[in-house]
Amino acid sequence: MATLKEIITRRPLAATIRLRVDAGAAKPGPPVGPALGQYKLNSMAFCKDFNARTQNYKPGTPMSVTISAFKDGTFEFTVKSPSVVWYLKKAAGVESGSSRPGHVTASTITLKHVYEIAKIKQCDPYCQYMSLESISKSIIGTANSMGIKVQRELD
């Protein structure tokens, strides 16, 4: 429950903006500029801060960003790691999953790949309280639905 001081000092929210921007490649042009411009937010400040936060990722990695735009022209944002599907495609070395999952296998990965993806995803704000086991089970389910087979070890 929020305290009275938090409620009084809370800024009114104008919008929540969700974007997918490549790591280290945010620039004031589309899609960032128009999305922030309609709420009169400083897109250059966002780009500098975003690029600084994502400098540890490989350039070109698609990052999900949730921006809270406030009516006074300020903003806050959170950056999530890339999606599980993106990591699975990279680990499997495929462009897309199987067109017939369960019947046709697109590729194969190991449990080590699943564990590494789970460790990365555990740092995300919405997964930080989940166990590695439950995240791994979710990743295995996603891999199965993409037609990617998970094995103990590759032959």
N, C-alpha and C. Protein backbone atom coordinates (compact mmCIF):
# COMPACT_ATOMS: atom_id res chain seq x y z
N MET A 1 0.85 -1.17 0.00
CA MET A 1 0.00 0.00 0.00
C MET A 1 0.89 1.23 0.00
N ALA A 2 0.55 2.18 -0.85
CA ALA A 2 1.34 3.40 -0.98
C ALA A 2 1.09 4.33 0.21
N THR A 3 2.15 5.01 0.64
CA THR A 3 2.00 5.98 1.72
C THR A 3 1.41 7.27 1.17
N LEU A 4 0.97 8.14 2.06
CA LEU A 4 0.36 9.41 1.66
C LEU A 4 1.37 10.28 0.92
N LYS A 5 2.63 10.27 1.37
CA LYS A 5 3.66 11.07 0.72
C LYS A 5 3.88 10.60 -0.72
N GLU A 6 3.89 9.27 -0.95
CA GLU A 6 4.07 8.75 -2.30
C GLU A 6 2.90 9.15 -3.20
N ILE A 7 1.70 9.13 -2.66
CA ILE A 7 0.52 9.49 -3.45
C ILE A 7 0.55 10.97 -3.82
N ILE A 8 0.95 11.83 -2.88
CA ILE A 8 0.98 13.27 -3.14
C ILE A 8 2.06 13.63 -4.14
N THR A 9 3.23 12.99 -4.03
CA THR A 9 4.34 13.33 -4.91
C THR A 9 4.30 12.58 -6.24
N ARG A 10 3.36 11.73 -6.44
CA ARG A 10 3.25 10.96 -7.67
C ARG A 10 2.90 11.89 -8.83
N ARG A 11 3.61 11.74 -9.92
CA ARG A 11 3.36 12.56 -11.09
C ARG A 11 2.26 11.93 -11.95
N PRO A 12 1.38 12.73 -12.53
CA PRO A 12 0.34 12.16 -13.38
C PRO A 12 0.93 11.58 -14.66
N LEU A 13 0.52 10.37 -15.00
CA LEU A 13 1.04 9.63 -16.15
C LEU A 13 0.28 10.04 -17.40
N ALA A 14 1.01 10.42 -18.45
CA ALA A 14 0.38 10.78 -19.72
C ALA A 14 0.20 9.54 -20.59
N ALA A 15 1.20 8.67 -20.63
CA ALA A 15 1.12 7.48 -21.49
C ALA A 15 2.19 6.48 -21.11
N THR A 16 1.98 5.26 -21.56
CA THR A 16 2.99 4.21 -21.46
C THR A 16 3.32 3.82 -22.89
N ILE A 17 4.57 3.96 -23.26
CA ILE A 17 5.02 3.70 -24.63
C ILE A 17 5.89 2.45 -24.62
N ARG A 18 5.58 1.53 -25.51
CA ARG A 18 6.38 0.31 -25.64
C ARG A 18 7.05 0.31 -27.00
N LEU A 19 8.36 0.14 -27.00
CA LEU A 19 9.13 0.13 -28.24
C LEU A 19 10.09 -1.06 -28.26
N ARG A 20 10.51 -1.41 -29.45
CA ARG A 20 11.58 -2.38 -29.62
C ARG A 20 12.69 -1.66 -30.37
N VAL A 21 13.83 -1.49 -29.70
CA VAL A 21 14.94 -0.72 -30.25
C VAL A 21 16.20 -1.58 -30.16
N ASP A 22 17.02 -1.53 -31.20
CA ASP A 22 18.27 -2.28 -31.17
C ASP A 22 19.23 -1.69 -30.15
N ALA A 23 19.96 -2.57 -29.48
CA ALA A 23 20.89 -2.15 -28.43
C ALA A 23 21.95 -1.21 -28.98
N GLY A 24 22.14 -0.09 -28.30
CA GLY A 24 23.16 0.87 -28.68
C GLY A 24 22.88 1.63 -29.95
N ALA A 25 21.68 1.49 -30.52
CA ALA A 25 21.39 2.12 -31.82
C ALA A 25 20.20 3.06 -31.77
N ALA A 26 19.83 3.55 -30.60
CA ALA A 26 18.69 4.47 -30.51
C ALA A 26 19.10 5.81 -31.09
N LYS A 27 18.28 6.34 -31.97
CA LYS A 27 18.52 7.66 -32.54
C LYS A 27 17.19 8.39 -32.60
N PRO A 28 17.21 9.72 -32.65
CA PRO A 28 15.97 10.50 -32.56
C PRO A 28 15.02 10.31 -33.74
N GLY A 29 15.42 9.60 -34.75
CA GLY A 29 14.54 9.34 -35.89
C GLY A 29 13.53 8.26 -35.56
N PRO A 30 12.74 7.84 -36.56
CA PRO A 30 11.76 6.78 -36.33
C PRO A 30 12.43 5.50 -35.88
N PRO A 31 11.89 4.71 -35.01
CA PRO A 31 10.58 4.81 -34.37
C PRO A 31 10.59 5.61 -33.07
N VAL A 32 11.79 5.96 -32.56
CA VAL A 32 11.88 6.61 -31.25
C VAL A 32 11.34 8.04 -31.28
N GLY A 33 11.80 8.83 -32.23
CA GLY A 33 11.43 10.25 -32.30
C GLY A 33 9.94 10.51 -32.33
N PRO A 34 9.20 9.93 -33.28
CA PRO A 34 7.76 10.17 -33.33
C PRO A 34 7.01 9.66 -32.10
N ALA A 35 7.45 8.53 -31.55
CA ALA A 35 6.77 7.98 -30.38
C ALA A 35 6.92 8.88 -29.18
N LEU A 36 8.10 9.45 -28.98
CA LEU A 36 8.32 10.34 -27.84
C LEU A 36 7.86 11.77 -28.13
N GLY A 37 7.95 12.18 -29.38
CA GLY A 37 7.59 13.54 -29.76
C GLY A 37 6.13 13.88 -29.54
N GLN A 38 5.26 12.92 -29.72
CA GLN A 38 3.84 13.21 -29.54
C GLN A 38 3.49 13.49 -28.09
N TYR A 39 4.36 13.13 -27.16
CA TYR A 39 4.15 13.44 -25.74
C TYR A 39 5.11 14.53 -25.26
N LYS A 40 5.79 15.17 -26.22
CA LYS A 40 6.72 16.28 -25.94
C LYS A 40 7.85 15.87 -24.99
N LEU A 41 8.41 14.69 -25.26
CA LEU A 41 9.53 14.19 -24.46
C LEU A 41 10.84 14.43 -25.21
N ASN A 42 11.92 14.57 -24.49
CA ASN A 42 13.23 14.82 -25.06
C ASN A 42 13.79 13.51 -25.61
N SER A 43 13.74 13.35 -26.93
CA SER A 43 14.19 12.10 -27.53
C SER A 43 15.71 11.96 -27.48
N MET A 44 16.46 13.06 -27.52
CA MET A 44 17.92 12.98 -27.43
C MET A 44 18.36 12.46 -26.05
N ALA A 45 17.70 12.92 -25.01
CA ALA A 45 18.03 12.45 -23.66
C ALA A 45 17.74 10.96 -23.54
N PHE A 46 16.60 10.53 -24.11
CA PHE A 46 16.26 9.10 -24.07
C PHE A 46 17.31 8.30 -24.82
N CYS A 47 17.69 8.74 -26.02
CA CYS A 47 18.64 8.00 -26.84
C CYS A 47 19.99 7.85 -26.13
N LYS A 48 20.49 8.93 -25.54
CA LYS A 48 21.77 8.86 -24.83
C LYS A 48 21.71 7.90 -23.66
N ASP A 49 20.63 7.99 -22.88
CA ASP A 49 20.48 7.12 -21.71
C ASP A 49 20.30 5.67 -22.12
N PHE A 50 19.47 5.43 -23.14
CA PHE A 50 19.23 4.06 -23.62
C PHE A 50 20.51 3.44 -24.15
N ASN A 51 21.24 4.18 -24.98
CA ASN A 51 22.49 3.65 -25.54
C ASN A 51 23.52 3.37 -24.44
N ALA A 52 23.54 4.19 -23.39
CA ALA A 52 24.45 3.95 -22.27
C ALA A 52 24.06 2.69 -21.51
N ARG A 53 22.75 2.48 -21.32
CA ARG A 53 22.30 1.28 -20.59
C ARG A 53 22.51 0.00 -21.37
N THR A 54 22.48 0.07 -22.69
CA THR A 54 22.57 -1.14 -23.51
C THR A 54 23.94 -1.34 -24.14
N GLN A 55 24.95 -0.63 -23.66
CA GLN A 55 26.28 -0.75 -24.25
C GLN A 55 26.91 -2.12 -24.03
N ASN A 56 26.44 -2.87 -23.03
CA ASN A 56 27.00 -4.20 -22.76
C ASN A 56 26.45 -5.27 -23.69
N TYR A 57 25.39 -4.96 -24.43
CA TYR A 57 24.80 -5.92 -25.35
C TYR A 57 25.45 -5.78 -26.72
N LYS A 58 25.41 -6.85 -27.49
CA LYS A 58 25.93 -6.84 -28.84
C LYS A 58 25.09 -5.89 -29.69
N PRO A 59 25.71 -5.01 -30.49
CA PRO A 59 24.93 -4.09 -31.32
C PRO A 59 23.97 -4.85 -32.24
N GLY A 60 22.77 -4.34 -32.36
CA GLY A 60 21.75 -4.98 -33.19
C GLY A 60 20.83 -5.91 -32.42
N THR A 61 21.07 -6.11 -31.14
CA THR A 61 20.22 -6.96 -30.33
C THR A 61 18.90 -6.22 -30.04
N PRO A 62 17.76 -6.80 -30.39
CA PRO A 62 16.49 -6.10 -30.17
C PRO A 62 16.10 -6.07 -28.69
N MET A 63 15.95 -4.87 -28.16
CA MET A 63 15.62 -4.69 -26.75
C MET A 63 14.20 -4.14 -26.63
N SER A 64 13.43 -4.65 -25.68
CA SER A 64 12.10 -4.13 -25.40
C SER A 64 12.21 -3.03 -24.37
N VAL A 65 11.57 -1.89 -24.65
CA VAL A 65 11.64 -0.73 -23.78
C VAL A 65 10.23 -0.31 -23.42
N THR A 66 9.97 -0.08 -22.13
CA THR A 66 8.69 0.47 -21.67
C THR A 66 8.98 1.83 -21.09
N ILE A 67 8.39 2.86 -21.71
CA ILE A 67 8.62 4.24 -21.30
C ILE A 67 7.36 4.77 -20.63
N SER A 68 7.50 5.28 -19.42
CA SER A 68 6.39 5.95 -18.72
C SER A 68 6.55 7.44 -18.94
N ALA A 69 5.64 8.03 -19.71
CA ALA A 69 5.68 9.45 -20.01
C ALA A 69 4.76 10.18 -19.04
N PHE A 70 5.29 11.20 -18.38
CA PHE A 70 4.51 11.97 -17.42
C PHE A 70 4.05 13.28 -18.06
N LYS A 71 2.99 13.84 -17.52
CA LYS A 71 2.40 15.05 -18.08
C LYS A 71 3.30 16.27 -17.97
N ASP A 72 4.28 16.23 -17.06
CA ASP A 72 5.19 17.38 -16.92
C ASP A 72 6.36 17.33 -17.90
N GLY A 73 6.34 16.37 -18.84
CA GLY A 73 7.38 16.28 -19.86
C GLY A 73 8.57 15.42 -19.48
N THR A 74 8.52 14.76 -18.33
CA THR A 74 9.60 13.87 -17.92
C THR A 74 9.21 12.43 -18.25
N PHE A 75 10.16 11.54 -18.14
CA PHE A 75 9.89 10.13 -18.43
C PHE A 75 10.83 9.24 -17.63
N GLU A 76 10.42 7.99 -17.50
CA GLU A 76 11.24 6.92 -16.92
C GLU A 76 11.09 5.74 -17.86
N PHE A 77 12.12 4.92 -17.93
CA PHE A 77 11.98 3.74 -18.78
C PHE A 77 12.71 2.54 -18.21
N THR A 78 12.22 1.38 -18.57
CA THR A 78 12.86 0.12 -18.20
C THR A 78 13.21 -0.62 -19.48
N VAL A 79 14.35 -1.27 -19.46
CA VAL A 79 14.82 -2.03 -20.61
C VAL A 79 14.80 -3.50 -20.22
N LYS A 80 14.20 -4.32 -21.07
CA LYS A 80 14.19 -5.76 -20.84
C LYS A 80 15.15 -6.41 -21.82
N SER A 81 15.65 -7.56 -21.45
CA SER A 81 16.52 -8.30 -22.35
C SER A 81 15.70 -8.81 -23.53
N PRO A 82 16.34 -9.24 -24.60
CA PRO A 82 15.61 -9.73 -25.77
C PRO A 82 14.69 -10.90 -25.42
N SER A 83 13.76 -11.17 -26.31
CA SER A 83 12.77 -12.22 -26.05
C SER A 83 13.42 -13.60 -26.08
N VAL A 84 12.76 -14.56 -25.45
CA VAL A 84 13.23 -15.94 -25.42
C VAL A 84 13.30 -16.49 -26.85
N VAL A 85 12.33 -16.12 -27.68
CA VAL A 85 12.31 -16.60 -29.06
C VAL A 85 13.57 -16.15 -29.79
N TRP A 86 14.00 -14.91 -29.59
CA TRP A 86 15.21 -14.40 -30.25
C TRP A 86 16.43 -15.20 -29.79
N TYR A 87 16.53 -15.45 -28.47
CA TYR A 87 17.66 -16.23 -27.96
C TYR A 87 17.64 -17.66 -28.51
N LEU A 88 16.45 -18.27 -28.58
CA LEU A 88 16.36 -19.63 -29.09
C LEU A 88 16.77 -19.70 -30.55
N LYS A 89 16.36 -18.74 -31.35
CA LYS A 89 16.75 -18.72 -32.77
C LYS A 89 18.25 -18.57 -32.90
N LYS A 90 18.86 -17.71 -32.08
CA LYS A 90 20.32 -17.52 -32.13
C LYS A 90 21.04 -18.79 -31.69
N ALA A 91 20.56 -19.44 -30.62
CA ALA A 91 21.21 -20.66 -30.13
C ALA A 91 21.08 -21.80 -31.12
N ALA A 92 19.92 -21.88 -31.79
CA ALA A 92 19.68 -22.96 -32.74
C ALA A 92 20.28 -22.66 -34.11
N GLY A 93 20.59 -21.39 -34.36
CA GLY A 93 21.16 -21.02 -35.65
C GLY A 93 20.16 -21.04 -36.78
N VAL A 94 18.91 -20.69 -36.50
CA VAL A 94 17.87 -20.68 -37.52
C VAL A 94 17.26 -19.28 -37.63
N GLU A 95 16.65 -18.99 -38.78
CA GLU A 95 15.98 -17.71 -38.99
C GLU A 95 14.57 -17.72 -38.41
N SER A 96 13.91 -18.88 -38.46
CA SER A 96 12.56 -19.00 -37.91
C SER A 96 12.35 -20.42 -37.41
N GLY A 97 11.28 -20.60 -36.66
CA GLY A 97 10.96 -21.92 -36.14
C GLY A 97 10.38 -22.80 -37.23
N SER A 98 9.95 -23.98 -36.85
CA SER A 98 9.37 -24.93 -37.79
C SER A 98 7.98 -24.48 -38.22
N SER A 99 7.63 -24.75 -39.47
CA SER A 99 6.28 -24.43 -39.93
C SER A 99 5.28 -25.45 -39.40
N ARG A 100 5.78 -26.62 -38.97
CA ARG A 100 4.93 -27.66 -38.39
C ARG A 100 5.58 -28.20 -37.12
N PRO A 101 5.52 -27.42 -36.01
CA PRO A 101 6.14 -27.89 -34.77
C PRO A 101 5.49 -29.18 -34.29
N GLY A 102 6.30 -30.07 -33.78
CA GLY A 102 5.80 -31.36 -33.33
C GLY A 102 5.90 -32.41 -34.42
N HIS A 103 5.95 -31.98 -35.68
CA HIS A 103 6.08 -32.90 -36.80
C HIS A 103 7.44 -32.75 -37.48
N VAL A 104 7.87 -31.51 -37.65
CA VAL A 104 9.14 -31.21 -38.30
C VAL A 104 10.02 -30.44 -37.31
N THR A 105 11.24 -30.93 -37.12
CA THR A 105 12.18 -30.27 -36.20
C THR A 105 13.00 -29.25 -36.97
N ALA A 106 12.98 -28.01 -36.50
CA ALA A 106 13.73 -26.94 -37.16
C ALA A 106 15.22 -27.04 -36.83
N SER A 107 15.53 -27.36 -35.57
CA SER A 107 16.92 -27.45 -35.13
C SER A 107 16.94 -28.10 -33.75
N THR A 108 18.13 -28.22 -33.19
CA THR A 108 18.31 -28.84 -31.88
C THR A 108 19.24 -27.96 -31.03
N ILE A 109 18.90 -27.84 -29.75
CA ILE A 109 19.78 -27.14 -28.79
C ILE A 109 19.96 -28.05 -27.58
N THR A 110 20.89 -27.67 -26.71
CA THR A 110 21.16 -28.47 -25.52
C THR A 110 20.56 -27.80 -24.29
N LEU A 111 20.54 -28.55 -23.20
CA LEU A 111 20.08 -28.00 -21.93
C LEU A 111 21.00 -26.88 -21.45
N LYS A 112 22.26 -26.91 -21.87
CA LYS A 112 23.19 -25.84 -21.50
C LYS A 112 22.71 -24.51 -22.11
N HIS A 113 22.24 -24.55 -23.36
CA HIS A 113 21.69 -23.35 -23.99
C HIS A 113 20.50 -22.83 -23.20
N VAL A 114 19.61 -23.74 -22.80
CA VAL A 114 18.42 -23.37 -22.05
C VAL A 114 18.81 -22.73 -20.72
N TYR A 115 19.80 -23.31 -20.05
CA TYR A 115 20.26 -22.78 -18.77
C TYR A 115 20.84 -21.37 -18.93
N GLU A 116 21.64 -21.16 -19.97
CA GLU A 116 22.24 -19.84 -20.21
C GLU A 116 21.16 -18.80 -20.50
N ILE A 117 20.16 -19.16 -21.29
CA ILE A 117 19.05 -18.23 -21.59
C ILE A 117 18.29 -17.93 -20.30
N ALA A 118 18.05 -18.94 -19.48
CA ALA A 118 17.32 -18.75 -18.22
C ALA A 118 18.08 -17.81 -17.28
N LYS A 119 19.41 -17.93 -17.23
CA LYS A 119 20.20 -17.04 -16.39
C LYS A 119 20.07 -15.59 -16.85
N ILE A 120 20.05 -15.38 -18.16
CA ILE A 120 19.91 -14.03 -18.69
C ILE A 120 18.51 -13.49 -18.38
N LYS A 121 17.49 -14.30 -18.60
CA LYS A 121 16.11 -13.85 -18.40
C LYS A 121 15.79 -13.63 -16.93
N GLN A 122 16.50 -14.27 -16.03
CA GLN A 122 16.25 -14.10 -14.60
C GLN A 122 16.60 -12.67 -14.15
N CYS A 123 17.41 -11.96 -14.90
CA CYS A 123 17.76 -10.57 -14.57
C CYS A 123 16.65 -9.59 -14.95
N ASP A 124 15.69 -10.02 -15.77
CA ASP A 124 14.58 -9.15 -16.16
C ASP A 124 13.72 -8.84 -14.95
N PRO A 125 13.13 -7.64 -14.90
CA PRO A 125 12.33 -7.25 -13.73
C PRO A 125 11.17 -8.20 -13.42
N TYR A 126 10.53 -8.74 -14.43
CA TYR A 126 9.37 -9.59 -14.20
C TYR A 126 9.74 -11.05 -13.92
N CYS A 127 11.00 -11.41 -14.06
CA CYS A 127 11.43 -12.80 -13.80
C CYS A 127 12.38 -12.92 -12.62
N GLN A 128 12.73 -11.82 -11.98
CA GLN A 128 13.77 -11.88 -10.96
C GLN A 128 13.40 -12.71 -9.74
N TYR A 129 12.12 -12.92 -9.49
CA TYR A 129 11.71 -13.71 -8.32
C TYR A 129 11.38 -15.15 -8.69
N MET A 130 11.53 -15.50 -9.96
CA MET A 130 11.26 -16.87 -10.40
C MET A 130 12.53 -17.71 -10.28
N SER A 131 12.35 -19.00 -10.06
CA SER A 131 13.50 -19.89 -9.98
C SER A 131 14.01 -20.20 -11.38
N LEU A 132 15.28 -20.57 -11.47
CA LEU A 132 15.85 -20.95 -12.76
C LEU A 132 15.12 -22.15 -13.36
N GLU A 133 14.66 -23.04 -12.49
CA GLU A 133 13.95 -24.23 -12.96
C GLU A 133 12.66 -23.85 -13.67
N SER A 134 11.87 -22.96 -13.09
CA SER A 134 10.60 -22.58 -13.72
C SER A 134 10.82 -21.78 -15.00
N ILE A 135 11.85 -20.94 -15.02
CA ILE A 135 12.17 -20.21 -16.25
C ILE A 135 12.62 -21.19 -17.32
N SER A 136 13.43 -22.18 -16.95
CA SER A 136 13.92 -23.17 -17.90
C SER A 136 12.77 -23.99 -18.48
N LYS A 137 11.81 -24.36 -17.65
CA LYS A 137 10.65 -25.10 -18.15
C LYS A 137 9.87 -24.28 -19.17
N SER A 138 9.74 -23.00 -18.89
CA SER A 138 9.04 -22.11 -19.82
C SER A 138 9.81 -22.01 -21.15
N ILE A 139 11.12 -21.92 -21.08
CA ILE A 139 11.95 -21.84 -22.28
C ILE A 139 11.85 -23.13 -23.09
N ILE A 140 11.86 -24.26 -22.42
CA ILE A 140 11.72 -25.55 -23.11
C ILE A 140 10.37 -25.63 -23.81
N GLY A 141 9.32 -25.15 -23.15
CA GLY A 141 7.99 -25.13 -23.78
C GLY A 141 7.96 -24.25 -25.01
N THR A 142 8.61 -23.09 -24.93
CA THR A 142 8.68 -22.19 -26.08
C THR A 142 9.46 -22.84 -27.21
N ALA A 143 10.57 -23.51 -26.89
CA ALA A 143 11.36 -24.20 -27.91
C ALA A 143 10.54 -25.28 -28.59
N ASN A 144 9.78 -26.04 -27.81
CA ASN A 144 8.93 -27.09 -28.40
C ASN A 144 7.88 -26.50 -29.33
N SER A 145 7.30 -25.37 -28.95
CA SER A 145 6.28 -24.76 -29.80
C SER A 145 6.88 -24.15 -31.07
N MET A 146 8.19 -23.94 -31.08
CA MET A 146 8.88 -23.43 -32.28
C MET A 146 9.43 -24.57 -33.13
N GLY A 147 9.34 -25.79 -32.65
CA GLY A 147 9.89 -26.92 -33.39
C GLY A 147 11.38 -27.10 -33.16
N ILE A 148 11.89 -26.57 -32.05
CA ILE A 148 13.29 -26.73 -31.69
C ILE A 148 13.39 -27.80 -30.62
N LYS A 149 14.15 -28.85 -30.90
CA LYS A 149 14.28 -29.98 -29.99
C LYS A 149 15.36 -29.68 -28.93
N VAL A 150 15.07 -30.00 -27.67
CA VAL A 150 16.02 -29.79 -26.59
C VAL A 150 16.57 -31.15 -26.16
N GLN A 151 17.89 -31.32 -26.22
CA GLN A 151 18.55 -32.56 -25.85
C GLN A 151 19.51 -32.32 -24.70
N ARG A 152 19.90 -33.39 -24.03
CA ARG A 152 20.89 -33.26 -22.95
C ARG A 152 22.23 -32.81 -23.53
N GLU A 153 22.68 -33.47 -24.57
CA GLU A 153 23.94 -33.11 -25.24
C GLU A 153 23.80 -33.36 -26.73
N LEU A 154 24.47 -32.56 -27.52
CA LEU A 154 24.46 -32.78 -28.97
C LEU A 154 25.46 -33.88 -29.29
N ASP A 155 25.12 -34.71 -30.25
CA ASP A 155 26.01 -35.81 -30.66
C ASP A 155 27.13 -35.32 -31.53
